[in-house]
Amino acid sequence: MRFPFAANWVEELVAEWLQLEGYLVEVGLPVSVARKGGRYEADVVGARVRGNSLEIAHVECGQLAGGQSSVNALMKKFSPSNCTRIEAYFRQRFGFTGANVNYHKMYIASFWSKPTMQGAGNLGINVRPLPDFIRNEVLQAINRWKRNPPSQTPGRHITLPQTFWLLQLIDYLHNKGLLK
């Protein structure tokens, strides 16, 4: 379960992917308040407890074509204070008091310039062009899930849950050979 709705289809895709991977997902998670009003939100954040570790996947989505201003904006999105607030939020949600926290930062770029991608890649953030994300993360997660679905239904064709409508679309396009 997650609330509220994603702001765009890329955020929705990320949220569905994280859910399929077993994360509790939050979309538009408030992380700070602006001085002149308004608030800053994390696009999509997922968390799960594995063993004695809290795993957090913080994913921002957008365009990286504005040169250094895009890189600066990215630094703000993943600022230490924002990351600390997100960690505290999920520690409270899960009642997690352990010391082991694995915090993964990812940025999915739906449009990008090569120099900006290189600059962003130096920030310790996993920066991925959208096509690479779909190919290397989303399709792989779908395949893993289909090999080991939570419940087996009669028949040969294993389908994703109805609520994952974007993942279903990508799976369909892939199965029909319509994705490069």
Protein backbone atom coordinates (compact mmCIF):
# COMPACT_ATOMS: atom_id res chain seq x y z
CA MET A 1 0.00 0.00 0.00
CA ARG A 2 1.25 3.50 -0.75
CA PHE A 3 -0.03 7.05 -0.76
CA PRO A 4 -0.37 9.56 -2.37
CA PHE A 5 -0.37 9.06 -6.12
CA ALA A 6 2.79 9.51 -8.16
CA ALA A 7 3.25 12.87 -9.90
CA ASN A 8 4.11 11.29 -13.26
CA TRP A 9 4.44 7.95 -15.00
CA VAL A 10 8.17 7.57 -14.29
CA GLU A 11 7.55 7.94 -10.56
CA GLU A 12 4.68 5.45 -10.84
CA LEU A 13 6.98 3.00 -12.63
CA VAL A 14 9.61 3.35 -9.90
CA ALA A 15 6.98 2.87 -7.18
CA GLU A 16 5.63 -0.29 -8.84
CA TRP A 17 9.16 -1.64 -9.31
CA LEU A 18 10.03 -1.08 -5.65
CA GLN A 19 6.79 -2.72 -4.53
CA LEU A 20 7.48 -5.72 -6.74
CA GLU A 21 10.92 -5.94 -5.08
CA GLY A 22 9.25 -6.14 -1.64
CA TYR A 23 9.60 -2.56 -0.42
CA LEU A 24 7.02 -0.55 1.49
CA VAL A 25 6.72 2.46 -0.82
CA GLU A 26 5.97 6.11 -0.16
CA VAL A 27 5.48 8.61 -2.98
CA GLY A 28 5.92 12.35 -2.41
CA LEU A 29 7.29 11.86 1.09
CA PRO A 30 7.69 15.29 2.77
CA VAL A 31 11.30 15.84 3.83
CA SER A 32 11.65 19.58 4.55
CA VAL A 33 9.89 22.92 4.50
CA ALA A 34 10.97 25.88 2.38
CA ARG A 35 11.73 29.20 4.07
CA LYS A 36 9.12 31.03 2.02
CA GLY A 37 6.47 28.31 2.36
CA GLY A 38 5.84 25.05 0.61
CA ARG A 39 7.66 21.83 1.19
CA TYR A 40 10.21 19.59 -0.43
CA GLU A 41 9.27 15.98 -1.12
CA ALA A 42 11.21 12.87 -2.02
CA ASP A 43 9.79 11.50 -5.27
CA VAL A 44 9.70 7.80 -4.38
CA VAL A 45 11.14 6.05 -1.34
CA GLY A 46 10.94 2.39 -0.45
CA ALA A 47 12.08 0.56 2.65
CA ARG A 48 12.23 -3.03 3.84
CA VAL A 49 13.86 -4.92 6.66
CA ARG A 50 16.12 -7.79 5.66
CA GLY A 51 17.72 -9.74 8.44
CA ASN A 52 19.00 -7.14 10.86
CA SER A 53 19.26 -4.34 8.28
CA LEU A 54 16.92 -1.57 7.20
CA GLU A 55 17.21 -1.08 3.44
CA ILE A 56 16.11 2.25 2.02
CA ALA A 57 15.83 2.98 -1.69
CA HIS A 58 15.50 6.73 -2.32
CA VAL A 59 14.71 7.43 -5.97
CA GLU A 60 14.33 10.83 -7.59
CA CYS A 61 13.10 11.21 -11.16
CA GLY A 62 13.47 13.99 -13.69
CA GLN A 63 15.69 15.50 -16.35
CA LEU A 64 19.43 16.08 -16.25
CA ALA A 65 20.04 18.52 -19.05
CA GLY A 66 20.67 21.81 -17.24
CA GLY A 67 24.40 21.44 -16.65
CA GLN A 68 25.71 22.40 -13.24
CA SER A 69 22.31 23.71 -12.10
CA SER A 70 20.88 20.17 -12.56
CA VAL A 71 23.78 18.71 -10.58
CA ASN A 72 23.22 21.27 -7.80
CA ALA A 73 19.51 20.43 -7.69
CA LEU A 74 20.40 16.76 -7.42
CA MET A 75 22.70 17.49 -4.46
CA LYS A 76 19.79 19.20 -2.69
CA LYS A 77 17.40 16.30 -3.34
CA PHE A 78 19.85 13.88 -1.73
CA SER A 79 21.14 16.26 0.95
CA PRO A 80 22.27 14.70 4.23
CA SER A 81 19.38 16.35 6.09
CA ASN A 82 16.79 14.93 3.65
CA CYS A 83 18.34 11.47 3.86
CA THR A 84 18.41 11.65 7.68
CA ARG A 85 14.70 12.57 7.78
CA ILE A 86 13.82 9.72 5.43
CA GLU A 87 15.79 7.25 7.52
CA ALA A 88 14.11 8.50 10.71
CA TYR A 89 10.68 8.20 9.08
CA PHE A 90 11.20 4.54 8.13
CA ARG A 91 12.88 3.69 11.44
CA GLN A 92 9.68 4.91 13.11
CA ARG A 93 7.36 3.15 10.62
CA PHE A 94 9.09 -0.20 11.12
CA GLY A 95 10.01 0.28 14.78
CA PHE A 96 13.58 -0.37 13.67
CA THR A 97 16.21 0.34 16.32
CA GLY A 98 19.15 -1.53 14.79
CA ALA A 99 22.39 0.05 13.65
CA ASN A 100 22.52 -1.44 10.14
CA VAL A 101 20.98 0.85 7.54
CA ASN A 102 21.71 0.49 3.82
CA TYR A 103 20.67 3.72 2.09
CA HIS A 104 20.59 3.52 -1.70
CA LYS A 105 20.34 6.71 -3.76
CA MET A 106 19.15 6.55 -7.36
CA TYR A 107 18.19 9.12 -9.96
CA ILE A 108 16.20 8.11 -13.04
CA ALA A 109 16.73 10.59 -15.89
CA SER A 110 14.00 10.68 -18.52
CA PHE A 111 16.07 13.21 -20.49
CA TRP A 112 19.77 13.95 -20.08
CA SER A 113 22.89 15.44 -21.54
CA LYS A 114 26.12 13.48 -21.41
CA PRO A 115 28.14 16.15 -19.50
CA THR A 116 25.41 16.54 -16.89
CA MET A 117 25.16 12.77 -16.45
CA GLN A 118 28.92 12.61 -15.89
CA GLY A 119 28.80 15.42 -13.32
CA ALA A 120 25.87 13.80 -11.53
CA GLY A 121 27.62 10.44 -11.52
CA ASN A 122 30.38 11.90 -9.33
CA LEU A 123 27.96 12.50 -6.44
CA GLY A 124 27.74 8.93 -5.16
CA ILE A 125 24.25 8.56 -6.62
CA ASN A 126 23.31 5.75 -8.98
CA VAL A 127 22.27 7.89 -11.97
CA ARG A 128 20.43 5.91 -14.63
CA PRO A 129 18.95 6.93 -17.97
CA LEU A 130 15.33 5.75 -18.13
CA PRO A 131 15.93 3.17 -20.91
CA ASP A 132 18.75 1.56 -18.88
CA PHE A 133 16.57 1.52 -15.76
CA ILE A 134 13.77 -0.25 -17.63
CA ARG A 135 16.13 -2.74 -19.26
CA ASN A 136 18.41 -3.50 -16.31
CA GLU A 137 16.18 -3.03 -13.28
CA VAL A 138 12.51 -3.27 -14.22
CA LEU A 139 12.64 -6.16 -16.70
CA GLN A 140 14.99 -8.11 -14.43
CA ALA A 141 12.64 -7.63 -11.45
CA ILE A 142 9.66 -8.79 -13.52
CA ASN A 143 11.57 -11.90 -14.61
CA ARG A 144 12.65 -12.69 -11.02
CA TRP A 145 9.08 -12.27 -9.78
CA LYS A 146 7.66 -14.50 -12.54
CA ARG A 147 10.18 -17.26 -11.73
CA ASN A 148 9.01 -17.25 -8.11
CA PRO A 149 5.55 -15.68 -7.78
CA PRO A 150 4.07 -15.48 -4.25
CA SER A 151 1.24 -17.80 -5.29
CA GLN A 152 0.97 -20.10 -8.26
CA THR A 153 -2.25 -19.99 -10.23
CA PRO A 154 -3.42 -22.74 -12.57
CA GLY A 155 -2.21 -22.37 -16.13
CA ARG A 156 1.04 -21.66 -17.87
CA HIS A 157 0.97 -17.89 -18.12
CA ILE A 158 2.09 -16.02 -15.02
CA THR A 159 0.90 -12.42 -14.89
CA LEU A 160 1.79 -9.57 -12.61
CA PRO A 161 -0.77 -8.29 -10.09
CA GLN A 162 -3.46 -5.99 -11.56
CA THR A 163 -2.27 -2.99 -9.57
CA PHE A 164 1.05 -2.96 -11.43
CA TRP A 165 -0.37 -1.55 -14.63
CA LEU A 166 2.85 0.05 -15.88
CA LEU A 167 4.85 -3.07 -15.14
CA GLN A 168 2.20 -5.06 -16.99
CA LEU A 169 2.55 -2.74 -19.99
CA ILE A 170 6.33 -3.08 -20.04
CA ASP A 171 6.05 -6.85 -19.66
CA TYR A 172 3.58 -6.99 -22.58
CA LEU A 173 5.75 -4.81 -24.81
CA HIS A 174 8.79 -6.88 -23.96
CA ASN A 175 7.01 -10.21 -24.60
CA LYS A 176 5.78 -8.96 -28.00
CA GLY A 177 9.28 -7.83 -28.96
CA LEU A 178 8.31 -4.17 -29.03
CA LEU A 179 11.07 -2.99 -26.67
CA LYS A 180 14.58 -2.55 -28.04
